[in-house]
C-alpha cells in the first residue's frame, strides 16, 4: 500500500489516560417509557436498545457548561496521574465532536480552564469517533520529531441535545410515520455523555510509560453519507455502516500484517458502538472475545471518548509487557489502529 498510512513511533509513550463520568443515568427502560406511544403506533416492541444494541444505560451531564468542566477535569486527572505540571505541556489537542459554536475552537476554553502556558499550542481535531486515536498518532509524531515534549489530549461529549431532539421527533406523528424512519435514528438513542484525557510524552524520559509502537489508518470515504449528524439528530444506514466498517477494518488488518503481529494481542480496545458492532468485529477478525473489554452496556456510545474511557478502565488490569491494540472506526468511513505496549 503506497503512502504513509502505516507508521511506527520511536520515542512516544502513553503516560496516563483518565475519564470523567457524566453524573446522570438514563436507562433504556426510561427511553422505552418516553417512546411508548410511538413504539405502539409503529408496532415496534420495547427493549430494542437492550436486545439489539446491548445498551442498558447511558449518562448525561446535568446542565449547560458541564461538558466543558468535565473535559477540563479529565485533563487535570490525566496530568496529575502522569506527574506532569500544566506549565510543562507543549501542546493540547481537543478531539470532541460536541461543540456549542463553530468559533472559537473548543480547545481554547479548555486551555484557559487548565491554566496551560501561552507557549502550549492548542487546537481541535474532529474526525467523528476517531479523533482521539488520530490525536495520539499526531502527538507521538510530534514527540518523535522533537517538536513537542508533553502533549495533553482531551475529549468531552454532550449528546443530550441530539437525543432530546430525536425523542421529540419520534414522538411526533407528523415527523415519524414509519419503522424505517425510526431505525434511521435508532443509533441516536444509544449515545451517551462523558469525558476522557491522556498525556503522551517521551519514552526515554519515562521508562514507566507505555510505549506507543505504531499503527495503521485506512479510508473508505465512498461511505461518507452513511452516518450524518448535527445538533438536531443523527441519521444512519445501520446495515451499510456495519458492512462497510467491517470490510474496512479487515482490509486494514490485512494491510498491517507485513508491519505488525496483531494476531495475538493481550487486549483489543475497540470503539464502543453496540453489541452488534463489537460481536461482528470479534467474529470477522477471529478475536478472543474475553480479550475485548466493553463499556457500551453501561455508557452507550460516547463518541471519541469511548475508546480512551475503555482503556482507562482496563489500565489497572494490564501488566507490564502486555500488548494492546486500539481499534477505531469513524463515520466517513475511516479506521485507525494503534499498538501500545504496557
Protein backbone atom coordinates (compact mmCIF):
# COMPACT_ATOMS: atom_id res chain seq x y z
CA UNK A 1 0.00 0.00 0.00
CA UNK A 2 1.67 3.29 -1.06
CA UNK A 3 1.77 6.36 1.14
CA UNK A 4 2.30 6.76 4.85
CA UNK A 5 -0.87 5.15 6.24
CA UNK A 6 1.23 2.59 8.17
CA UNK A 7 3.62 4.08 10.71
CA UNK A 8 6.00 3.29 13.59
CA UNK A 9 6.88 5.55 16.51
CA UNK A 10 10.35 5.73 18.05
CA UNK A 11 10.12 7.61 21.34
CA UNK A 12 6.49 8.18 22.36
CA UNK A 13 4.75 6.78 25.43
CA UNK A 14 1.30 6.94 26.95
CA UNK A 15 1.87 8.33 30.43
CA UNK A 16 -1.75 8.34 31.62
CA UNK A 17 -5.36 8.02 30.49
CA UNK A 18 -8.30 9.08 32.65
CA UNK A 19 -12.08 9.52 32.41
CA UNK A 20 -14.77 11.67 33.97
CA UNK A 21 -18.29 10.25 34.16
CA UNK A 22 -21.31 12.40 33.48
CA UNK A 23 -23.44 12.32 36.65
CA UNK A 24 -26.97 11.50 35.45
CA UNK A 25 -28.01 7.97 34.46
CA UNK A 26 -30.62 7.41 31.74
CA UNK A 27 -31.71 3.80 31.32
CA UNK A 28 -33.01 2.24 28.13
CA UNK A 29 -36.16 1.36 30.05
CA UNK A 30 -36.62 5.08 30.73
CA UNK A 31 -36.39 5.72 26.98
CA UNK A 32 -38.88 2.94 26.28
CA UNK A 33 -41.34 4.64 28.60
CA UNK A 34 -40.84 8.02 26.92
CA UNK A 35 -41.32 6.42 23.50
CA UNK A 36 -44.14 4.07 24.49
CA UNK A 37 -46.87 5.70 22.36
CA UNK A 38 -44.62 5.97 19.30
CA UNK A 39 -43.46 2.36 19.60
CA UNK A 40 -47.07 1.22 19.82
CA UNK A 41 -48.02 3.35 16.80
CA UNK A 42 -45.12 1.97 14.78
CA UNK A 43 -45.83 -1.58 16.01
CA UNK A 44 -42.33 -1.93 17.42
CA UNK A 45 -41.51 -3.86 20.62
CA UNK A 46 -39.92 -2.33 23.70
CA UNK A 47 -36.45 -3.43 24.72
CA UNK A 48 -34.82 -2.90 21.32
CA UNK A 49 -32.00 -0.83 22.80
CA UNK A 50 -31.10 -3.62 25.20
CA UNK A 51 -31.59 -6.58 22.85
CA UNK A 52 -30.23 -5.15 19.58
CA UNK A 53 -27.64 -2.62 20.77
CA UNK A 54 -26.87 -4.11 24.18
CA UNK A 55 -27.11 -0.65 25.75
CA UNK A 56 -28.72 -0.75 29.19
CA UNK A 57 -27.83 2.75 30.38
CA UNK A 58 -26.08 5.89 29.22
CA UNK A 59 -25.06 9.05 31.09
CA UNK A 60 -25.93 12.74 30.73
CA UNK A 61 -24.41 15.94 32.02
CA UNK A 62 -26.64 17.86 34.44
CA UNK A 63 -26.66 21.24 32.72
CA UNK A 64 -25.03 23.79 30.40
CA UNK A 65 -21.29 24.12 30.87
CA UNK A 66 -20.90 20.70 32.47
CA UNK A 67 -19.25 19.11 29.45
CA UNK A 68 -16.53 21.78 29.39
CA UNK A 69 -16.00 21.41 33.14
CA UNK A 70 -15.88 17.63 32.80
CA UNK A 71 -13.39 17.81 29.93
CA UNK A 72 -11.11 20.13 31.91
CA UNK A 73 -11.37 17.84 34.93
CA UNK A 74 -10.36 14.86 32.80
CA UNK A 75 -7.33 16.87 31.69
CA UNK A 76 -6.41 17.65 35.30
CA UNK A 77 -6.69 13.99 36.28
CA UNK A 78 -4.53 12.86 33.38
CA UNK A 79 -1.84 15.43 34.15
CA UNK A 80 -1.84 14.52 37.84
CA UNK A 81 -1.63 10.79 37.08
CA UNK A 82 1.29 11.40 34.70
CA UNK A 83 3.04 13.71 37.17
CA UNK A 84 3.20 16.50 34.61
CA UNK A 85 2.62 20.12 35.59
CA UNK A 86 0.36 22.26 33.39
CA UNK A 87 3.26 24.62 32.62
CA UNK A 88 5.19 21.72 31.04
CA UNK A 89 2.54 20.95 28.41
CA UNK A 90 3.79 21.70 24.89
CA UNK A 91 0.53 21.05 23.08
CA UNK A 92 -3.12 20.38 23.87
CA UNK A 93 -5.44 18.71 21.36
CA UNK A 94 -9.21 18.61 21.80
CA UNK A 95 -10.92 15.80 19.88
CA UNK A 96 -14.56 16.39 20.77
CA UNK A 97 -17.34 16.06 18.22
CA UNK A 98 -19.61 18.05 20.53
CA UNK A 99 -19.40 21.84 20.30
CA UNK A 100 -21.76 24.69 21.06
CA UNK A 101 -20.38 27.02 18.37
CA UNK A 102 -18.19 26.99 15.29
CA UNK A 103 -15.69 29.55 16.58
CA UNK A 104 -13.54 29.71 18.57
CA UNK A 105 -12.25 26.15 18.91
CA UNK A 106 -13.30 24.05 21.88
CA UNK A 107 -9.62 23.75 22.71
CA UNK A 108 -9.17 27.38 23.71
CA UNK A 109 -11.67 27.17 26.56
CA UNK A 110 -10.07 24.01 27.96
CA UNK A 111 -6.60 25.54 27.56
CA UNK A 112 -7.77 28.51 29.65
CA UNK A 113 -9.53 26.38 32.27
CA UNK A 114 -6.42 24.26 32.80
CA UNK A 115 -4.11 27.26 33.05
CA UNK A 116 -1.80 25.98 30.33
CA UNK A 117 1.08 28.23 29.30
CA UNK A 118 0.85 30.64 26.37
CA UNK A 119 3.53 28.55 24.67
CA UNK A 120 1.24 25.49 24.55
CA UNK A 121 -0.18 25.10 21.06
CA UNK A 122 -3.87 24.20 21.15
CA UNK A 123 -6.42 23.20 18.53
CA UNK A 124 -9.25 20.79 17.69
CA UNK A 125 -9.11 17.56 15.71
CA UNK A 126 -12.56 16.37 14.66
CA UNK A 127 -12.83 13.08 12.83
CA UNK A 128 -16.03 11.51 14.12
CA UNK A 129 -15.19 8.72 16.59
CA UNK A 130 -11.53 8.52 15.55
CA UNK A 131 -10.36 11.91 16.79
CA UNK A 132 -8.73 10.65 19.98
CA UNK A 133 -6.71 7.93 18.23
CA UNK A 134 -5.72 10.39 15.48
CA UNK A 135 -4.53 12.80 18.17
CA UNK A 136 -2.35 10.14 19.82
CA UNK A 137 -0.73 9.50 16.44
CA UNK A 138 -0.11 13.21 15.83
CA UNK A 139 1.21 13.73 19.36
CA UNK A 140 3.57 10.75 19.02
CA UNK A 141 4.87 12.04 15.70
CA UNK A 142 5.50 15.49 17.17
CA UNK A 143 7.40 13.96 20.10
CA UNK A 144 9.42 11.73 17.76
CA UNK A 145 10.33 14.82 15.73
CA UNK A 146 11.39 16.77 18.83
CA UNK A 147 8.72 19.43 18.26
CA UNK A 148 6.80 18.64 21.45
CA UNK A 149 7.65 17.18 24.84
CA UNK A 150 4.32 16.61 26.58
CA UNK A 151 1.00 16.53 24.75
CA UNK A 152 -2.37 16.58 26.53
CA UNK A 153 -5.28 15.10 24.58
CA UNK A 154 -8.82 15.79 25.80
CA UNK A 155 -12.33 14.87 24.76
CA UNK A 156 -15.78 15.72 26.09
CA UNK A 157 -19.07 14.67 24.54
CA UNK A 158 -22.53 16.06 25.24
CA UNK A 159 -25.19 14.18 23.26
CA UNK A 160 -28.23 15.24 25.28
CA UNK A 161 -29.42 17.86 22.77
CA UNK A 162 -29.27 15.38 19.89
CA UNK A 163 -31.04 12.71 21.92
CA UNK A 164 -33.83 15.03 23.07
CA UNK A 165 -34.42 16.21 19.50
CA UNK A 166 -34.58 12.59 18.35
CA UNK A 167 -37.06 11.62 21.07
CA UNK A 168 -39.30 14.56 20.22
CA UNK A 169 -39.21 13.70 16.52
CA UNK A 170 -40.02 10.02 17.12
CA UNK A 171 -42.96 11.03 19.29
CA UNK A 172 -44.30 13.37 16.61
CA UNK A 173 -46.87 11.68 14.35
CA UNK A 174 -46.21 14.23 11.61
CA UNK A 175 -42.44 13.68 11.60
CA UNK A 176 -42.11 9.95 12.36
CA UNK A 177 -44.52 7.88 10.34
CA UNK A 178 -42.66 4.64 9.59
CA UNK A 179 -40.41 1.98 11.10
CA UNK A 180 -37.74 2.79 8.52
CA UNK A 181 -37.58 6.39 9.74
CA UNK A 182 -37.34 5.17 13.34
CA UNK A 183 -34.48 2.77 12.56
CA UNK A 184 -32.59 5.51 10.70
CA UNK A 185 -32.46 7.41 14.01
CA UNK A 186 -32.10 4.40 16.32
CA UNK A 187 -28.34 4.96 16.78
CA UNK A 188 -29.00 8.39 18.33
CA UNK A 189 -30.73 6.66 21.25
CA UNK A 190 -27.54 4.73 22.09
CA UNK A 191 -25.40 7.85 22.55
CA UNK A 192 -24.02 8.86 25.94
CA UNK A 193 -22.07 11.70 27.54
CA UNK A 194 -18.64 11.62 29.15
CA UNK A 195 -15.06 12.89 29.02
CA UNK A 196 -11.55 11.47 28.79
CA UNK A 197 -7.96 12.69 28.59
CA UNK A 198 -4.48 11.29 28.05
CA UNK A 199 -0.89 12.52 28.33
CA UNK A 200 1.72 11.49 25.75
CA UNK A 201 5.40 12.08 26.47
CA UNK A 202 8.94 10.98 25.53
CA UNK A 203 9.57 7.31 26.29
CA UNK A 204 13.28 7.82 27.00
CA UNK A 205 12.43 10.13 29.91
CA UNK A 206 9.59 7.92 31.18
CA UNK A 207 10.53 4.23 31.37
CA UNK A 208 7.36 3.73 33.42
CA UNK A 209 5.27 4.85 30.44
CA UNK A 210 3.55 2.63 27.92
CA UNK A 211 5.33 2.62 24.56
CA UNK A 212 3.29 3.67 21.54
CA UNK A 213 4.57 1.27 18.91
CA UNK A 214 2.74 2.39 15.78
CA UNK A 215 -0.33 1.68 13.74
CA UNK A 216 -2.30 1.95 10.55
CA UNK A 217 -5.02 4.16 9.12
CA UNK A 218 -7.26 3.42 6.16
CA UNK A 219 -10.14 5.25 4.48
CA UNK A 220 -13.32 4.15 2.69
CA UNK A 221 -14.78 7.58 2.04
CA UNK A 222 -17.20 6.29 -0.58
CA UNK A 223 -19.33 5.64 2.52
CA UNK A 224 -19.33 9.26 3.70
CA UNK A 225 -23.14 9.52 3.52
CA UNK A 226 -23.99 6.51 5.70
CA UNK A 227 -24.00 8.35 9.04
CA UNK A 228 -24.65 12.09 9.12
CA UNK A 229 -25.45 14.08 12.26
CA UNK A 230 -25.86 17.56 13.67
CA UNK A 231 -27.46 19.14 16.76
CA UNK A 232 -30.90 18.14 15.51
CA UNK A 233 -30.26 14.44 15.04
CA UNK A 234 -28.15 11.66 13.59
CA UNK A 235 -29.27 9.64 10.57
CA UNK A 236 -27.66 6.26 9.98
CA UNK A 237 -27.81 3.47 7.43
CA UNK A 238 -27.06 0.88 10.09
CA UNK A 239 -26.57 -2.11 7.79
CA UNK A 240 -24.47 -0.18 5.29
CA UNK A 241 -22.35 1.29 8.08
CA UNK A 242 -21.78 -2.12 9.67
CA UNK A 243 -20.90 -3.86 6.41
CA UNK A 244 -18.63 -1.03 5.22
CA UNK A 245 -16.94 -0.75 8.60
CA UNK A 246 -16.19 -4.45 8.90
CA UNK A 247 -14.78 -4.56 5.37
CA UNK A 248 -12.58 -1.54 6.11
CA UNK A 249 -11.29 -3.00 9.40
CA UNK A 250 -10.46 -6.33 7.80
CA UNK A 251 -8.67 -4.66 4.89
CA UNK A 252 -6.63 -2.54 7.31
CA UNK A 253 -5.70 -5.57 9.42
CA UNK A 254 -4.60 -7.44 6.32
CA UNK A 255 -2.53 -4.48 5.12
CA UNK A 256 -0.86 -4.24 8.53
CA UNK A 257 0.29 -7.87 8.61
CA UNK A 258 3.64 -7.19 6.94
CA UNK A 259 4.42 -4.47 9.51
CA UNK A 260 2.86 -5.76 12.77
CA UNK A 261 1.95 -9.01 14.51
CA UNK A 262 -1.51 -8.25 15.81
CA UNK A 263 -2.96 -11.77 15.84
CA UNK A 264 -2.09 -12.46 19.48
CA UNK A 265 -2.57 -9.22 21.40
CA UNK A 266 -3.34 -9.34 25.12
CA UNK A 267 -6.18 -6.82 24.81
CA UNK A 268 -8.17 -5.32 21.95
CA UNK A 269 -9.77 -1.99 22.86
CA UNK A 270 -12.40 -1.10 20.29
CA UNK A 271 -14.63 1.90 19.81
CA UNK A 272 -17.83 1.21 21.73
CA UNK A 273 -20.77 1.36 19.31
CA UNK A 274 -23.05 -1.54 20.23
CA UNK A 275 -23.29 -5.24 20.90
CA UNK A 276 -23.83 -5.96 17.19
CA UNK A 277 -20.79 -3.97 16.03
CA UNK A 278 -18.48 -5.44 18.67
CA UNK A 279 -19.55 -9.03 18.09
CA UNK A 280 -19.23 -8.54 14.32
CA UNK A 281 -15.62 -7.31 14.63
CA UNK A 282 -14.79 -10.13 17.05
CA UNK A 283 -16.20 -12.70 14.62
CA UNK A 284 -14.70 -11.24 11.43
CA UNK A 285 -11.21 -10.77 12.91
CA UNK A 286 -11.38 -14.02 14.91
CA UNK A 287 -10.59 -12.29 18.18
CA UNK A 288 -10.91 -13.83 21.63
CA UNK A 289 -13.94 -12.02 22.99
CA UNK A 290 -12.53 -12.39 26.50
CA UNK A 291 -9.78 -10.00 25.42
CA UNK A 292 -12.22 -7.36 24.12
CA UNK A 293 -13.49 -5.27 27.06
CA UNK A 294 -16.78 -3.41 26.62
CA UNK A 295 -18.28 -0.31 28.21
CA UNK A 296 -21.26 0.30 25.89
CA UNK A 297 -23.76 -1.62 28.11
CA UNK A 298 -23.24 0.96 30.86
CA UNK A 299 -22.18 4.09 28.95
CA UNK A 300 -23.57 3.69 25.43
CA UNK A 301 -21.62 5.21 22.56
CA UNK A 302 -19.64 8.18 23.92
CA UNK A 303 -18.12 9.02 20.53
CA UNK A 304 -14.34 9.61 20.53
CA UNK A 305 -14.29 9.34 24.34
CA UNK A 306 -15.44 5.70 24.24
CA UNK A 307 -12.08 4.16 23.38
CA UNK A 308 -9.95 6.08 25.93
CA UNK A 309 -12.62 5.55 28.61
CA UNK A 310 -12.50 1.80 27.97
CA UNK A 311 -8.69 1.86 28.00
CA UNK A 312 -8.64 3.80 31.27
CA UNK A 313 -10.87 1.17 32.89
CA UNK A 314 -8.56 -1.61 31.69
CA UNK A 315 -5.38 0.14 32.83
CA UNK A 316 -5.23 -1.37 36.32
CA UNK A 317 -5.68 -4.89 34.92
CA UNK A 318 -2.91 -4.61 32.34
CA UNK A 319 0.56 -5.91 33.21
CA UNK A 320 3.96 -4.61 32.07
CA UNK A 321 4.70 -6.06 28.65
CA UNK A 322 1.03 -6.59 27.71
CA UNK A 323 0.29 -5.61 24.12
CA UNK A 324 -2.84 -3.55 23.47
CA UNK A 325 -4.38 -2.87 20.07
CA UNK A 326 -6.75 0.10 19.87
CA UNK A 327 -9.23 -0.28 17.01
CA UNK A 328 -11.48 2.57 15.97
CA UNK A 329 -13.93 3.14 13.13
CA UNK A 330 -15.43 6.55 12.45
CA UNK A 331 -18.23 7.79 10.25
CA UNK A 332 -16.90 8.72 6.90
CA UNK A 333 -15.67 5.90 6.84
CA UNK A 334 -12.18 5.86 8.37
CA UNK A 335 -10.39 3.38 10.59
CA UNK A 336 -7.34 3.89 12.82
CA UNK A 337 -5.49 1.21 14.78
CA UNK A 338 -2.71 1.79 17.28
CA UNK A 339 -0.49 -0.63 19.21
CA UNK A 340 0.57 0.21 22.77
CA UNK A 341 3.00 -1.87 24.83
CA UNK A 342 2.07 -1.67 28.50
